[in-house]
Amino acid sequence: MYIHKDGFEEVYCATQTEEAEWAKEVIAIALAQVEIVTNATTLKFAIDKLLFHKYPATENLLKEKIKTSTPAKQVVLATALWHTYQDDNSFAMVHQHLLQHRAECLNVVFHCLVDFRGNEQAKEFLLACIEGGDDVLFSKATITIGMWAYTGMSALRENNLLEILKLENRDKPTFKLAIEQLKRIFKI
């Protein structure tokens, strides 16, 4: 894909053996990154490379790394387990780290919640953030819902919902109607 995008598709002529060797190199680099990287985006890309190249032990690797990683890194690993394997414990771990390590994990949790679009617990959590009194969680939740609106939940873009769910509209009568609309979309 990248060779095509770079305009070299017509001249690229690697053999299957060369492609296989390249895949091994990419996997080795990704494994090293999973080991040492703490940046959420870089870590996610490393995991995606393992999945793309069908590294057979990815799920086990993620579960093992969770045991010894920092809370923020555990959030990213748990998110990958949810996104790829629908691991039932993933959201609970993400939420627990938000509660116990808020300062360290706040941004990474909400960054990762974008991948929890199909998770019922995540939907309930975002709704609780919007209905609660914590303005920071409110703002982060509405950003996540906005991301969901453009990554597969187009119903969230209907009836000006995202605009009505802004913090400055919380005391307006339309806000309660927007919450009800959100509950219907989330099936809560």
Protein backbone atom coordinates (compact mmCIF):
# COMPACT_ATOMS: atom_id res chain seq x y z
CA MET A 1 0.00 0.00 0.00
CA TYR A 2 2.74 2.47 0.94
CA ILE A 3 4.76 1.53 -2.12
CA HIS A 4 1.71 2.25 -4.25
CA LYS A 5 1.06 5.57 -2.47
CA ASP A 6 4.70 6.57 -2.96
CA GLY A 7 4.38 5.92 -6.71
CA PHE A 8 6.72 2.93 -6.91
CA GLU A 9 4.15 0.16 -7.45
CA GLU A 10 5.13 -0.35 -11.09
CA VAL A 11 8.84 -0.76 -10.34
CA TYR A 12 8.52 -2.72 -7.09
CA CYS A 13 9.41 -6.35 -7.66
CA ALA A 14 10.29 -7.97 -4.35
CA THR A 15 10.12 -11.75 -4.17
CA GLN A 16 8.00 -13.59 -1.63
CA THR A 17 11.18 -14.44 0.23
CA GLU A 18 12.14 -10.75 0.40
CA GLU A 19 8.61 -9.86 1.55
CA ALA A 20 8.77 -12.54 4.26
CA GLU A 21 12.15 -11.24 5.44
CA TRP A 22 10.78 -7.69 5.54
CA ALA A 23 7.77 -8.91 7.57
CA LYS A 24 10.14 -10.55 10.10
CA GLU A 25 12.05 -7.27 10.44
CA VAL A 26 8.84 -5.29 10.95
CA ILE A 27 7.65 -7.80 13.58
CA ALA A 28 10.99 -7.65 15.41
CA ILE A 29 10.85 -3.85 15.53
CA ALA A 30 7.21 -3.90 16.68
CA LEU A 31 8.02 -6.43 19.43
CA ALA A 32 10.84 -4.20 20.66
CA GLN A 33 8.50 -1.22 20.65
CA VAL A 34 5.83 -3.07 22.64
CA GLU A 35 8.56 -3.82 25.16
CA ILE A 36 9.90 -0.28 25.64
CA VAL A 37 7.50 2.32 24.20
CA THR A 38 5.24 4.26 26.55
CA ASN A 39 3.64 6.69 24.08
CA ALA A 40 0.07 5.52 23.46
CA THR A 41 0.00 6.27 19.72
CA THR A 42 3.38 4.66 19.00
CA LEU A 43 2.43 1.63 21.08
CA LYS A 44 -0.87 1.29 19.21
CA PHE A 45 0.96 1.41 15.87
CA ALA A 46 3.38 -1.29 17.05
CA ILE A 47 0.47 -3.54 18.03
CA ASP A 48 -1.24 -2.83 14.71
CA LYS A 49 1.92 -3.92 12.88
CA LEU A 50 1.92 -7.22 14.79
CA LEU A 51 -1.73 -7.77 13.90
CA PHE A 52 -1.23 -6.81 10.24
CA HIS A 53 1.65 -9.27 9.90
CA LYS A 54 -0.37 -11.92 11.75
CA TYR A 55 2.10 -12.37 14.57
CA PRO A 56 0.61 -15.52 16.15
CA ALA A 57 1.21 -14.70 19.80
CA THR A 58 -0.14 -11.15 19.84
CA GLU A 59 -2.99 -11.80 22.28
CA ASN A 60 -0.72 -13.64 24.73
CA LEU A 61 1.93 -10.94 24.39
CA LEU A 62 -0.57 -8.21 25.26
CA LYS A 63 -1.85 -10.14 28.28
CA GLU A 64 1.68 -10.77 29.53
CA LYS A 65 2.81 -7.16 29.04
CA ILE A 66 -0.20 -5.88 31.00
CA LYS A 67 1.11 -7.64 34.10
CA THR A 68 4.33 -5.64 34.21
CA SER A 69 3.50 -2.32 32.54
CA THR A 70 2.73 1.13 33.89
CA PRO A 71 -0.94 2.03 34.30
CA ALA A 72 -0.99 4.21 31.17
CA LYS A 73 0.59 1.47 29.09
CA GLN A 74 -1.85 -1.06 30.55
CA VAL A 75 -4.70 1.13 29.27
CA VAL A 76 -3.34 0.93 25.72
CA LEU A 77 -2.75 -2.81 25.96
CA ALA A 78 -6.23 -3.42 27.38
CA THR A 79 -7.69 -1.32 24.57
CA ALA A 80 -5.90 -3.43 21.99
CA LEU A 81 -7.28 -6.56 23.64
CA TRP A 82 -10.80 -5.13 23.41
CA HIS A 83 -10.45 -3.80 19.89
CA THR A 84 -8.98 -6.98 18.46
CA TYR A 85 -10.23 -9.78 20.70
CA GLN A 86 -13.27 -8.25 22.48
CA ASP A 87 -11.71 -9.11 25.83
CA ASP A 88 -14.45 -8.67 28.43
CA ASN A 89 -12.08 -7.39 31.13
CA SER A 90 -10.62 -4.59 29.02
CA PHE A 91 -12.97 -1.74 29.86
CA ALA A 92 -12.94 -2.58 33.56
CA MET A 93 -9.15 -2.25 33.59
CA VAL A 94 -9.24 1.03 31.67
CA HIS A 95 -11.87 2.44 34.02
CA GLN A 96 -10.01 1.23 37.11
CA HIS A 97 -6.85 3.00 35.98
CA LEU A 98 -8.79 6.21 35.41
CA LEU A 99 -10.13 6.01 38.96
CA GLN A 100 -6.83 5.07 40.59
CA HIS A 101 -4.34 6.97 38.42
CA ARG A 102 -6.37 9.85 37.00
CA ALA A 103 -3.47 12.30 36.65
CA GLU A 104 -1.33 9.77 34.80
CA CYS A 105 -4.07 8.12 32.75
CA LEU A 106 -6.78 10.70 32.01
CA ASN A 107 -5.69 11.63 28.50
CA VAL A 108 -4.68 8.14 27.44
CA VAL A 109 -7.98 6.68 28.72
CA PHE A 110 -10.07 9.04 26.64
CA HIS A 111 -7.72 8.64 23.67
CA CYS A 112 -8.26 4.90 23.89
CA LEU A 113 -12.01 5.09 24.50
CA VAL A 114 -12.41 5.90 20.81
CA ASP A 115 -11.75 2.18 20.21
CA PHE A 116 -14.46 1.13 22.68
CA ARG A 117 -17.31 2.31 20.45
CA GLY A 118 -19.08 -1.07 20.58
CA ASN A 119 -18.61 -1.56 24.32
CA GLU A 120 -21.75 -1.16 26.44
CA GLN A 121 -19.79 -0.29 29.60
CA ALA A 122 -17.96 2.48 27.73
CA LYS A 123 -21.26 3.91 26.51
CA GLU A 124 -22.64 3.91 30.06
CA PHE A 125 -19.43 5.51 31.34
CA LEU A 126 -19.53 8.33 28.78
CA LEU A 127 -23.18 8.97 29.57
CA ALA A 128 -22.34 9.11 33.30
CA CYS A 129 -19.56 11.62 32.54
CA ILE A 130 -22.02 13.84 30.70
CA GLU A 131 -24.67 13.57 33.38
CA GLY A 132 -22.17 14.04 36.21
CA GLY A 133 -20.69 17.20 37.65
CA ASP A 134 -17.03 16.80 36.64
CA ASP A 135 -16.43 19.34 33.86
CA VAL A 136 -13.16 17.70 32.77
CA LEU A 137 -14.80 14.29 32.34
CA PHE A 138 -17.75 15.97 30.64
CA SER A 139 -15.50 17.64 28.08
CA LYS A 140 -13.44 14.52 27.47
CA ALA A 141 -16.61 12.43 27.07
CA THR A 142 -18.12 14.78 24.51
CA ILE A 143 -14.90 14.71 22.49
CA THR A 144 -14.98 10.91 22.53
CA ILE A 145 -18.63 10.88 21.48
CA GLY A 146 -17.71 13.27 18.67
CA MET A 147 -15.04 10.83 17.54
CA TRP A 148 -17.56 8.00 17.64
CA ALA A 149 -19.88 10.10 15.50
CA TYR A 150 -17.31 10.14 12.71
CA THR A 151 -15.96 6.60 13.12
CA GLY A 152 -19.05 4.49 12.76
CA MET A 153 -21.92 5.94 14.81
CA SER A 154 -23.35 8.44 12.33
CA ALA A 155 -26.60 8.69 14.36
CA LEU A 156 -24.64 10.84 16.80
CA ARG A 157 -24.39 13.52 14.10
CA GLU A 158 -28.16 13.80 13.69
CA ASN A 159 -30.41 16.55 15.08
CA ASN A 160 -27.46 18.76 16.05
CA LEU A 161 -26.77 16.40 18.96
CA LEU A 162 -23.05 17.10 19.26
CA GLU A 163 -23.65 20.85 19.40
CA ILE A 164 -26.38 20.54 22.02
CA LEU A 165 -24.16 18.30 24.19
CA LYS A 166 -21.60 21.05 24.71
CA LEU A 167 -20.81 22.12 28.28
CA GLU A 168 -22.22 25.61 27.81
CA ASN A 169 -25.62 24.08 26.93
CA ARG A 170 -25.90 21.91 30.04
CA ASP A 171 -28.50 24.16 31.70
CA LYS A 172 -30.69 24.57 28.62
CA PRO A 173 -33.93 22.57 28.20
CA THR A 174 -32.66 21.04 24.95
CA PHE A 175 -29.81 19.37 26.85
CA LYS A 176 -32.14 16.90 28.58
CA LEU A 177 -33.66 16.00 25.22
CA ALA A 178 -30.16 15.47 23.85
CA ILE A 179 -29.37 13.12 26.75
CA GLU A 180 -32.50 11.12 25.92
CA GLN A 181 -31.47 10.99 22.27
CA LEU A 182 -28.01 9.81 23.31
CA LYS A 183 -29.53 7.08 25.48
CA ARG A 184 -31.62 5.86 22.52
CA ILE A 185 -28.59 5.79 20.25
CA PHE A 186 -26.55 3.97 22.90
CA LYS A 187 -29.53 1.71 23.66
CA ILE A 188 -29.31 2.48 27.37
